[in-house]
Amino acid sequence: MESDEIQFVSTQKNQQKLVYRGRCYTLKRTNRNDKCWICASGMRRCRGTLSTNLEATEVIRLSEHAESCPVNPHAFYHHQQLAELRRLASEDTRPVMDINE
């Protein structure tokens, strides 16, 4: 189910990603009145963009994505789980052989 709610996740490099309607966006630039986000699907042909207010609480504009750009209704939870797994892996500094035993 696609959510009209704006949600944020952090990447491994502490970069903020915005998740909206099952698609993930990366901040491209901040203007005086709004923020411009680009599709983070990794598809070269996708030119999907999203503009929000400066607080990123409201969507102002939304452009079309490429037909081949996938929609993942669980994108927010997927990114949240990846962030949690990375955090847990960074805390456990034992050698791999000790972990597998």
PDB file of N, CA and C in Angstrom:
ATOM      1  N   MET A   1       0.839  -1.183   0.000  1.00  0.00           N
ATOM      2  CA  MET A   1       0.000   0.000   0.000  1.00  0.00           C
ATOM      3  C   MET A   1       0.879   1.241   0.000  1.00  0.00           C
ATOM      4  N   GLU A   2       0.602   2.170  -0.904  1.00  0.00           N
ATOM      5  CA  GLU A   2       1.398   3.374  -1.007  1.00  0.00           C
ATOM      6  C   GLU A   2       0.912   4.390   0.019  1.00  0.00           C
ATOM      7  N   SER A   3       1.872   4.998   0.714  1.00  0.00           N
ATOM      8  CA  SER A   3       1.524   5.957   1.746  1.00  0.00           C
ATOM      9  C   SER A   3       1.807   7.368   1.256  1.00  0.00           C
ATOM     10  N   ASP A   4       0.868   8.289   1.483  1.00  0.00           N
ATOM     11  CA  ASP A   4       1.087   9.687   1.129  1.00  0.00           C
ATOM     12  C   ASP A   4       1.875  10.417   2.206  1.00  0.00           C
ATOM     13  N   GLU A   5       2.289   9.702   3.216  1.00  0.00           N
ATOM     14  CA  GLU A   5       3.063  10.290   4.301  1.00  0.00           C
ATOM     15  C   GLU A   5       4.535  10.378   3.893  1.00  0.00           C
ATOM     16  N   ILE A   6       5.180  11.480   4.221  1.00  0.00           N
ATOM     17  CA  ILE A   6       6.609  11.641   3.955  1.00  0.00           C
ATOM     18  C   ILE A   6       7.372  11.019   5.114  1.00  0.00           C
ATOM     19  N   GLN A   7       8.300  10.127   4.775  1.00  0.00           N
ATOM     20  CA  GLN A   7       9.105   9.461   5.794  1.00  0.00           C
ATOM     21  C   GLN A   7      10.575   9.607   5.431  1.00  0.00           C
ATOM     22  N   PHE A   8      11.445   9.549   6.437  1.00  0.00           N
ATOM     23  CA  PHE A   8      12.875   9.697   6.209  1.00  0.00           C
ATOM     24  C   PHE A   8      13.626   8.493   6.738  1.00  0.00           C
ATOM     25  N   VAL A   9      14.688   8.126   6.033  1.00  0.00           N
ATOM     26  CA  VAL A   9      15.601   7.084   6.483  1.00  0.00           C
ATOM     27  C   VAL A   9      17.017   7.607   6.290  1.00  0.00           C
ATOM     28  N   SER A  10      17.941   7.097   7.086  1.00  0.00           N
ATOM     29  CA  SER A  10      19.347   7.473   6.964  1.00  0.00           C
ATOM     30  C   SER A  10      20.107   6.337   6.309  1.00  0.00           C
ATOM     31  N   THR A  11      21.046   6.691   5.446  1.00  0.00           N
ATOM     32  CA  THR A  11      21.878   5.685   4.807  1.00  0.00           C
ATOM     33  C   THR A  11      23.102   5.420   5.671  1.00  0.00           C
ATOM     34  N   GLN A  12      23.921   4.494   5.212  1.00  0.00           N
ATOM     35  CA  GLN A  12      25.133   4.139   5.943  1.00  0.00           C
ATOM     36  C   GLN A  12      26.073   5.337   6.058  1.00  0.00           C
ATOM     37  N   LYS A  13      26.027   6.227   5.078  1.00  0.00           N
ATOM     38  CA  LYS A  13      26.899   7.406   5.077  1.00  0.00           C
ATOM     39  C   LYS A  13      26.202   8.619   5.690  1.00  0.00           C
ATOM     40  N   ASN A  14      25.167   8.383   6.491  1.00  0.00           N
ATOM     41  CA  ASN A  14      24.384   9.424   7.162  1.00  0.00           C
ATOM     42  C   ASN A  14      23.746  10.412   6.194  1.00  0.00           C
ATOM     43  N   GLN A  15      23.373   9.941   5.028  1.00  0.00           N
ATOM     44  CA  GLN A  15      22.656  10.754   4.067  1.00  0.00           C
ATOM     45  C   GLN A  15      21.165  10.508   4.271  1.00  0.00           C
ATOM     46  N   GLN A  16      20.373  11.562   4.223  1.00  0.00           N
ATOM     47  CA  GLN A  16      18.930  11.426   4.396  1.00  0.00           C
ATOM     48  C   GLN A  16      18.274  11.037   3.082  1.00  0.00           C
ATOM     49  N   LYS A  17      17.399  10.057   3.124  1.00  0.00           N
ATOM     50  CA  LYS A  17      16.576   9.670   1.977  1.00  0.00           C
ATOM     51  C   LYS A  17      15.127   9.934   2.361  1.00  0.00           C
ATOM     52  N   LEU A  18      14.358  10.404   1.401  1.00  0.00           N
ATOM     53  CA  LEU A  18      12.944  10.655   1.613  1.00  0.00           C
ATOM     54  C   LEU A  18      12.170   9.535   0.929  1.00  0.00           C
ATOM     55  N   VAL A  19      11.195   8.980   1.605  1.00  0.00           N
ATOM     56  CA  VAL A  19      10.351   7.930   1.031  1.00  0.00           C
ATOM     57  C   VAL A  19       8.927   8.473   0.944  1.00  0.00           C
ATOM     58  N   TYR A  20       8.371   8.435  -0.283  1.00  0.00           N
ATOM     59  CA  TYR A  20       7.026   8.954  -0.522  1.00  0.00           C
ATOM     60  C   TYR A  20       6.349   8.093  -1.581  1.00  0.00           C
ATOM     61  N   ARG A  21       5.193   7.570  -1.274  1.00  0.00           N
ATOM     62  CA  ARG A  21       4.412   6.726  -2.184  1.00  0.00           C
ATOM     63  C   ARG A  21       5.231   5.557  -2.743  1.00  0.00           C
ATOM     64  N   GLY A  22       6.010   4.936  -1.892  1.00  0.00           N
ATOM     65  CA  GLY A  22       6.744   3.746  -2.296  1.00  0.00           C
ATOM     66  C   GLY A  22       7.991   4.006  -3.115  1.00  0.00           C
ATOM     67  N   ARG A  23       8.401   5.249  -3.225  1.00  0.00           N
ATOM     68  CA  ARG A  23       9.618   5.584  -3.970  1.00  0.00           C
ATOM     69  C   ARG A  23      10.581   6.315  -3.051  1.00  0.00           C
ATOM     70  N   CYS A  24      11.855   6.111  -3.309  1.00  0.00           N
ATOM     71  CA  CYS A  24      12.901   6.697  -2.484  1.00  0.00           C
ATOM     72  C   CYS A  24      13.553   7.848  -3.250  1.00  0.00           C
ATOM     73  N   TYR A  25      13.821   8.961  -2.564  1.00  0.00           N
ATOM     74  CA  TYR A  25      14.396  10.149  -3.188  1.00  0.00           C
ATOM     75  C   TYR A  25      15.621  10.614  -2.405  1.00  0.00           C
ATOM     76  N   THR A  26      16.567  11.223  -3.140  1.00  0.00           N
ATOM     77  CA  THR A  26      17.776  11.796  -2.558  1.00  0.00           C
ATOM     78  C   THR A  26      17.718  13.308  -2.744  1.00  0.00           C
ATOM     79  N   LEU A  27      18.145  14.065  -1.740  1.00  0.00           N
ATOM     80  CA  LEU A  27      18.131  15.526  -1.830  1.00  0.00           C
ATOM     81  C   LEU A  27      19.135  15.993  -2.874  1.00  0.00           C
ATOM     82  N   LYS A  28      18.656  16.764  -3.846  1.00  0.00           N
ATOM     83  CA  LYS A  28      19.528  17.295  -4.889  1.00  0.00           C
ATOM     84  C   LYS A  28      19.985  18.702  -4.534  1.00  0.00           C
ATOM     85  N   ARG A  29      19.038  19.554  -4.145  1.00  0.00           N
ATOM     86  CA  ARG A  29      19.403  20.929  -3.783  1.00  0.00           C
ATOM     87  C   ARG A  29      18.319  21.537  -2.893  1.00  0.00           C
ATOM     88  N   THR A  30      18.718  22.576  -2.179  1.00  0.00           N
ATOM     89  CA  THR A  30      17.793  23.343  -1.359  1.00  0.00           C
ATOM     90  C   THR A  30      17.735  24.755  -1.920  1.00  0.00           C
ATOM     91  N   ASN A  31      16.574  25.172  -2.354  1.00  0.00           N
ATOM     92  CA  ASN A  31      16.373  26.524  -2.861  1.00  0.00           C
ATOM     93  C   ASN A  31      15.905  27.425  -1.722  1.00  0.00           C
ATOM     94  N   ARG A  32      15.611  28.652  -2.048  1.00  0.00           N
ATOM     95  CA  ARG A  32      15.152  29.589  -1.032  1.00  0.00           C
ATOM     96  C   ARG A  32      13.789  29.198  -0.468  1.00  0.00           C
ATOM     97  N   ASN A  33      12.926  28.634  -1.325  1.00  0.00           N
ATOM     98  CA  ASN A  33      11.556  28.327  -0.906  1.00  0.00           C
ATOM     99  C   ASN A  33      11.226  26.846  -0.817  1.00  0.00           C
ATOM    100  N   ASP A  34      12.084  25.987  -1.375  1.00  0.00           N
ATOM    101  CA  ASP A  34      11.752  24.565  -1.390  1.00  0.00           C
ATOM    102  C   ASP A  34      13.003  23.704  -1.475  1.00  0.00           C
ATOM    103  N   LYS A  35      12.777  22.396  -1.382  1.00  0.00           N
ATOM    104  CA  LYS A  35      13.852  21.414  -1.535  1.00  0.00           C
ATOM    105  C   LYS A  35      13.508  20.545  -2.733  1.00  0.00           C
ATOM    106  N   CYS A  36      14.514  20.231  -3.541  1.00  0.00           N
ATOM    107  CA  CYS A  36      14.322  19.397  -4.719  1.00  0.00           C
ATOM    108  C   CYS A  36      14.959  18.036  -4.462  1.00  0.00           C
ATOM    109  N   TRP A  37      14.186  16.978  -4.634  1.00  0.00           N
ATOM    110  CA  TRP A  37      14.627  15.603  -4.414  1.00  0.00           C
ATOM    111  C   TRP A  37      14.565  14.861  -5.740  1.00  0.00           C
ATOM    112  N   ILE A  38      15.535  13.956  -6.002  1.00  0.00           N
ATOM    113  CA  ILE A  38      15.535  13.165  -7.230  1.00  0.00           C
ATOM    114  C   ILE A  38      15.358  11.691  -6.888  1.00  0.00           C
ATOM    115  N   CYS A  39      14.828  10.948  -7.843  1.00  0.00           N
ATOM    116  CA  CYS A  39      14.568   9.523  -7.648  1.00  0.00           C
ATOM    117  C   CYS A  39      15.879   8.792  -7.381  1.00  0.00           C
ATOM    118  N   ALA A  40      15.878   7.942  -6.369  1.00  0.00           N
ATOM    119  CA  ALA A  40      17.085   7.210  -5.977  1.00  0.00           C
ATOM    120  C   ALA A  40      17.000   5.744  -6.371  1.00  0.00           C
ATOM    121  N   SER A  41      16.223   5.442  -7.415  1.00  0.00           N
ATOM    122  CA  SER A  41      16.039   4.043  -7.807  1.00  0.00           C
ATOM    123  C   SER A  41      17.277   3.462  -8.476  1.00  0.00           C
ATOM    124  N   GLY A  42      18.158   4.315  -8.978  1.00  0.00           N
ATOM    125  CA  GLY A  42      19.346   3.830  -9.664  1.00  0.00           C
ATOM    126  C   GLY A  42      19.117   3.615 -11.146  1.00  0.00           C
ATOM    127  N   MET A  43      17.931   3.889 -11.620  1.00  0.00           N
ATOM    128  CA  MET A  43      17.626   3.747 -13.046  1.00  0.00           C
ATOM    129  C   MET A  43      18.083   5.015 -13.759  1.00  0.00           C
ATOM    130  N   ARG A  44      18.890   4.863 -14.780  1.00  0.00           N
ATOM    131  CA  ARG A  44      19.420   6.028 -15.494  1.00  0.00           C
ATOM    132  C   ARG A  44      18.330   6.824 -16.203  1.00  0.00           C
ATOM    133  N   ARG A  45      17.323   6.145 -16.691  1.00  0.00           N
ATOM    134  CA  ARG A  45      16.300   6.829 -17.482  1.00  0.00           C
ATOM    135  C   ARG A  45      15.211   7.471 -16.627  1.00  0.00           C
ATOM    136  N   CYS A  46      15.219   7.236 -15.348  1.00  0.00           N
ATOM    137  CA  CYS A  46      14.172   7.801 -14.497  1.00  0.00           C
ATOM    138  C   CYS A  46      14.519   9.238 -14.136  1.00  0.00           C
ATOM    139  N   ARG A  47      13.606  10.127 -14.453  1.00  0.00           N
ATOM    140  CA  ARG A  47      13.808  11.539 -14.147  1.00  0.00           C
ATOM    141  C   ARG A  47      12.770  12.028 -13.134  1.00  0.00           C
ATOM    142  N   GLY A  48      12.322  11.118 -12.307  1.00  0.00           N
ATOM    143  CA  GLY A  48      11.324  11.471 -11.310  1.00  0.00           C
ATOM    144  C   GLY A  48      11.897  12.419 -10.269  1.00  0.00           C
ATOM    145  N   THR A  49      11.184  13.495 -10.008  1.00  0.00           N
ATOM    146  CA  THR A  49      11.603  14.463  -8.996  1.00  0.00           C
ATOM    147  C   THR A  49      10.427  14.786  -8.085  1.00  0.00           C
ATOM    148  N   LEU A  50      10.769  15.349  -6.960  1.00  0.00           N
ATOM    149  CA  LEU A  50       9.777  15.716  -5.960  1.00  0.00           C
ATOM    150  C   LEU A  50      10.253  17.012  -5.324  1.00  0.00           C
ATOM    151  N   SER A  51       9.369  17.962  -5.153  1.00  0.00           N
ATOM    152  CA  SER A  51       9.702  19.206  -4.464  1.00  0.00           C
ATOM    153  C   SER A  51       8.880  19.289  -3.192  1.00  0.00           C
ATOM    154  N   THR A  52       9.538  19.671  -2.108  1.00  0.00           N
ATOM    155  CA  THR A  52       8.859  19.827  -0.819  1.00  0.00           C
ATOM    156  C   THR A  52       9.115  21.228  -0.284  1.00  0.00           C
ATOM    157  N   ASN A  53       8.369  21.589   0.749  1.00  0.00           N
ATOM    158  CA  ASN A  53       8.670  22.841   1.424  1.00  0.00           C
ATOM    159  C   ASN A  53       9.998  22.675   2.172  1.00  0.00           C
ATOM    160  N   LEU A  54      10.528  23.733   2.741  1.00  0.00           N
ATOM    161  CA  LEU A  54      11.844  23.676   3.387  1.00  0.00           C
ATOM    162  C   LEU A  54      11.889  22.719   4.568  1.00  0.00           C
ATOM    163  N   GLU A  55      10.779  22.540   5.259  1.00  0.00           N
ATOM    164  CA  GLU A  55      10.734  21.624   6.400  1.00  0.00           C
ATOM    165  C   GLU A  55      10.515  20.181   5.951  1.00  0.00           C
ATOM    166  N   ALA A  56      10.269  19.992   4.652  1.00  0.00           N
ATOM    167  CA  ALA A  56      10.001  18.672   4.058  1.00  0.00           C
ATOM    168  C   ALA A  56       8.819  17.983   4.737  1.00  0.00           C
ATOM    169  N   THR A  57       7.779  18.750   4.975  1.00  0.00           N
ATOM    170  CA  THR A  57       6.565  18.195   5.570  1.00  0.00           C
ATOM    171  C   THR A  57       5.417  18.129   4.568  1.00  0.00           C
ATOM    172  N   GLU A  58       5.571  18.808   3.422  1.00  0.00           N
ATOM    173  CA  GLU A  58       4.495  18.881   2.438  1.00  0.00           C
ATOM    174  C   GLU A  58       5.076  18.794   1.024  1.00  0.00           C
ATOM    175  N   VAL A  59       4.452  17.991   0.178  1.00  0.00           N
ATOM    176  CA  VAL A  59       4.883  17.865  -1.215  1.00  0.00           C
ATOM    177  C   VAL A  59       4.266  19.000  -2.025  1.00  0.00           C
ATOM    178  N   ILE A  60       5.124  19.707  -2.780  1.00  0.00           N
ATOM    179  CA  ILE A  60       4.658  20.817  -3.608  1.00  0.00           C
ATOM    180  C   ILE A  60       4.449  20.361  -5.050  1.00  0.00           C
ATOM    181  N   ARG A  61       5.456  19.676  -5.612  1.00  0.00           N
ATOM    182  CA  ARG A  61       5.390  19.184  -6.989  1.00  0.00           C
ATOM    183  C   ARG A  61       5.906  17.759  -7.045  1.00  0.00           C
ATOM    184  N   LEU A  62       5.388  17.008  -7.990  1.00  0.00           N
ATOM    185  CA  LEU A  62       5.812  15.625  -8.188  1.00  0.00           C
ATOM    186  C   LEU A  62       5.836  15.374  -9.688  1.00  0.00           C
ATOM    187  N   SER A  63       6.992  14.962 -10.230  1.00  0.00           N
ATOM    188  CA  SER A  63       7.064  14.695 -11.669  1.00  0.00           C
ATOM    189  C   SER A  63       6.995  13.195 -11.924  1.00  0.00           C
ATOM    190  N   GLU A  64       6.715  12.843 -13.166  1.00  0.00           N
ATOM    191  CA  GLU A  64       6.537  11.449 -13.557  1.00  0.00           C
ATOM    192  C   GLU A  64       7.855  10.681 -13.531  1.00  0.00           C
ATOM    193  N   HIS A  65       7.760   9.418 -13.187  1.00  0.00           N
ATOM    194  CA  HIS A  65       8.906   8.513 -13.216  1.00  0.00           C
ATOM    195  C   HIS A  65       8.877   7.735 -14.528  1.00  0.00           C
ATOM    196  N   ALA A  66      10.001   7.119 -14.873  1.00  0.00           N
ATOM    197  CA  ALA A  66      10.052   6.253 -16.052  1.00  0.00           C
ATOM    198  C   ALA A  66       9.130   5.059 -15.823  1.00  0.00           C
ATOM    199  N   GLU A  67       8.601   4.502 -16.894  1.00  0.00           N
ATOM    200  CA  GLU A  67       7.696   3.354 -16.767  1.00  0.00           C
ATOM    201  C   GLU A  67       8.390   2.164 -16.126  1.00  0.00           C
ATOM    202  N   SER A  68       9.699   2.052 -16.365  1.00  0.00           N
ATOM    203  CA  SER A  68      10.449   0.907 -15.831  1.00  0.00           C
ATOM    204  C   SER A  68      10.942   1.133 -14.401  1.00  0.00           C
ATOM    205  N   CYS A  69      10.680   2.301 -13.844  1.00  0.00           N
ATOM    206  CA  CYS A  69      11.108   2.601 -12.472  1.00  0.00           C
ATOM    207  C   CYS A  69      10.169   1.889 -11.496  1.00  0.00           C
ATOM    208  N   PRO A  70      10.711   1.009 -10.651  1.00  0.00           N
ATOM    209  CA  PRO A  70       9.844   0.208  -9.782  1.00  0.00           C
ATOM    210  C   PRO A  70       9.285   0.998  -8.592  1.00  0.00           C
ATOM    211  N   VAL A  71       8.091   0.622  -8.186  1.00  0.00           N
ATOM    212  CA  VAL A  71       7.481   1.166  -6.972  1.00  0.00           C
ATOM    213  C   VAL A  71       7.586   0.088  -5.908  1.00  0.00           C
ATOM    214  N   ASN A  72       8.134   0.435  -4.756  1.00  0.00           N
ATOM    215  CA  ASN A  72       8.256  -0.525  -3.661  1.00  0.00           C
ATOM    216  C   ASN A  72       7.436  -0.003  -2.489  1.00  0.00           C
ATOM    217  N   PRO A  73       6.262  -0.575  -2.234  1.00  0.00           N
ATOM    218  CA  PRO A  73       5.424  -0.073  -1.145  1.00  0.00           C
ATOM    219  C   PRO A  73       6.057  -0.259   0.233  1.00  0.00           C
ATOM    220  N   HIS A  74       7.086  -1.088   0.322  1.00  0.00           N
ATOM    221  CA  HIS A  74       7.739  -1.325   1.604  1.00  0.00           C
ATOM    222  C   HIS A  74       9.115  -0.667   1.668  1.00  0.00           C
ATOM    223  N   ALA A  75       9.353   0.353   0.835  1.00  0.00           N
ATOM    224  CA  ALA A  75      10.672   0.979   0.739  1.00  0.00           C
ATOM    225  C   ALA A  75      11.132   1.538   2.084  1.00  0.00           C
ATOM    226  N   PHE A  76      10.237   2.193   2.806  1.00  0.00           N
ATOM    227  CA  PHE A  76      10.618   2.788   4.087  1.00  0.00           C
ATOM    228  C   PHE A  76      11.092   1.721   5.057  1.00  0.00           C
ATOM    229  N   TYR A  77      10.341   0.643   5.176  1.00  0.00           N
ATOM    230  CA  TYR A  77      10.697  -0.416   6.119  1.00  0.00           C
ATOM    231  C   TYR A  77      11.959  -1.150   5.675  1.00  0.00           C
ATOM    232  N   HIS A  78      12.131  -1.303   4.368  1.00  0.00           N
ATOM    233  CA  HIS A  78      13.331  -1.945   3.843  1.00  0.00           C
ATOM    234  C   HIS A  78      14.572  -1.130   4.216  1.00  0.00           C
ATOM    235  N   HIS A  79      14.525   0.184   3.993  1.00  0.00           N
ATOM    236  CA  HIS A  79      15.663   1.040   4.335  1.00  0.00           C
ATOM    237  C   HIS A  79      15.882   1.090   5.841  1.00  0.00           C
ATOM    238  N   GLN A  80      14.810   1.060   6.600  1.00  0.00           N
ATOM    239  CA  GLN A  80      14.918   1.065   8.056  1.00  0.00           C
ATOM    240  C   GLN A  80      15.595  -0.215   8.548  1.00  0.00           C
ATOM    241  N   GLN A  81      15.235  -1.355   7.979  1.00  0.00           N
ATOM    242  CA  GLN A  81      15.849  -2.626   8.368  1.00  0.00           C
ATOM    243  C   GLN A  81      17.321  -2.666   7.982  1.00  0.00           C
ATOM    244  N   LEU A  82      17.657  -2.158   6.794  1.00  0.00           N
ATOM    245  CA  LEU A  82      19.060  -2.121   6.383  1.00  0.00           C
ATOM    246  C   LEU A  82      19.890  -1.259   7.327  1.00  0.00           C
ATOM    247  N   ALA A  83      19.353  -0.116   7.714  1.00  0.00           N
ATOM    248  CA  ALA A  83      20.070   0.767   8.632  1.00  0.00           C
ATOM    249  C   ALA A  83      20.297   0.083   9.978  1.00  0.00           C
ATOM    250  N   GLU A  84      19.296  -0.639  10.464  1.00  0.00           N
ATOM    251  CA  GLU A  84      19.425  -1.343  11.742  1.00  0.00           C
ATOM    252  C   GLU A  84      20.457  -2.463  11.645  1.00  0.00           C
ATOM    253  N   LEU A  85      20.452  -3.217  10.550  1.00  0.00           N
ATOM    254  CA  LEU A  85      21.444  -4.283  10.369  1.00  0.00           C
ATOM    255  C   LEU A  85      22.860  -3.724  10.286  1.00  0.00           C
ATOM    256  N   ARG A  86      23.023  -2.606   9.598  1.00  0.00           N
ATOM    257  CA  ARG A  86      24.351  -1.983   9.507  1.00  0.00           C
ATOM    258  C   ARG A  86      24.816  -1.507  10.874  1.00  0.00           C
ATOM    259  N   ARG A  87      23.883  -0.948  11.655  1.00  0.00           N
ATOM    260  CA  ARG A  87      24.238  -0.479  12.995  1.00  0.00           C
ATOM    261  C   ARG A  87      24.676  -1.648  13.866  1.00  0.00           C
ATOM    262  N   LEU A  88      23.936  -2.744  13.824  1.00  0.00           N
ATOM    263  CA  LEU A  88      24.282  -3.920  14.621  1.00  0.00           C
ATOM    264  C   LEU A  88      25.616  -4.515  14.181  1.00  0.00           C
ATOM    265  N   ALA A  89      25.861  -4.541  12.874  1.00  0.00           N
ATOM    266  CA  ALA A  89      27.121  -5.088  12.368  1.00  0.00           C
ATOM    267  C   ALA A  89      28.303  -4.228  12.788  1.00  0.00           C
ATOM    268  N   SER A  90      28.123  -2.921  12.848  1.00  0.00           N
ATOM    269  CA  SER A  90      29.234  -2.049  13.235  1.00  0.00           C
ATOM    270  C   SER A  90      29.540  -2.157  14.728  1.00  0.00           C
ATOM    271  N   GLU A  91      28.550  -2.535  15.537  1.00  0.00           N
ATOM    272  CA  GLU A  91      28.773  -2.679  16.977  1.00  0.00           C
ATOM    273  C   GLU A  91      29.498  -3.977  17.323  1.00  0.00           C
ATOM    274  N   ASP A  92      29.301  -5.019  16.529  1.00  0.00           N
ATOM    275  CA  ASP A  92      29.899  -6.324  16.806  1.00  0.00           C
ATOM    276  C   ASP A  92      31.235  -6.424  16.080  1.00  0.00           C
ATOM    277  N   THR A  93      32.339  -6.228  16.804  1.00  0.00           N
ATOM    278  CA  THR A  93      33.665  -6.189  16.179  1.00  0.00           C
ATOM    279  C   THR A  93      34.420  -7.506  16.296  1.00  0.00           C
ATOM    280  N   ARG A  94      33.725  -8.582  16.657  1.00  0.00           N
ATOM    281  CA  ARG A  94      34.389  -9.886  16.740  1.00  0.00           C
ATOM    282  C   ARG A  94      34.778 -10.361  15.343  1.00  0.00           C
ATOM    283  N   PRO A  95      35.834 -11.167  15.243  1.00  0.00           N
ATOM    284  CA  PRO A  95      36.179 -11.745  13.943  1.00  0.00           C
ATOM    285  C   PRO A  95      35.059 -12.657  13.441  1.00  0.00           C
ATOM    286  N   VAL A  96      34.954 -12.793  12.144  1.00  0.00           N
ATOM    287  CA  VAL A  96      33.885 -13.583  11.536  1.00  0.00           C
ATOM    288  C   VAL A  96      33.906 -15.025  12.031  1.00  0.00           C
ATOM    289  N   MET A  97      35.082 -15.594  12.216  1.00  0.00           N
ATOM    290  CA  MET A  97      35.177 -16.978  12.682  1.00  0.00           C
ATOM    291  C   MET A  97      34.542 -17.141  14.063  1.00  0.00           C
ATOM    292  N   ASP A  98      34.674 -16.133  14.937  1.00  0.00           N
ATOM    293  CA  ASP A  98      34.058 -16.195  16.264  1.00  0.00           C
ATOM    294  C   ASP A  98      32.533 -16.102  16.174  1.00  0.00           C
ATOM    295  N   ILE A  99      32.035 -15.329  15.241  1.00  0.00           N
ATOM    296  CA  ILE A  99      30.591 -15.157  15.088  1.00  0.00           C
ATOM    297  C   ILE A  99      29.960 -16.444  14.576  1.00  0.00           C
ATOM    298  N   ASN A 100      30.615 -17.111  13.642  1.00  0.00           N
ATOM    299  CA  ASN A 100      30.061 -18.322  13.028  1.00  0.00           C
ATOM    300  C   ASN A 100      30.091 -19.533  13.946  1.00  0.00           C
ATOM    301  N   GLU A 101      30.830 -19.510  15.013  1.00  0.00           N
ATOM    302  CA  GLU A 101      30.916 -20.669  15.912  1.00  0.00           C
ATOM    303  C   GLU A 101      29.724 -20.787  16.810  1.00  0.00           C
TER     304      GLU A 101
END
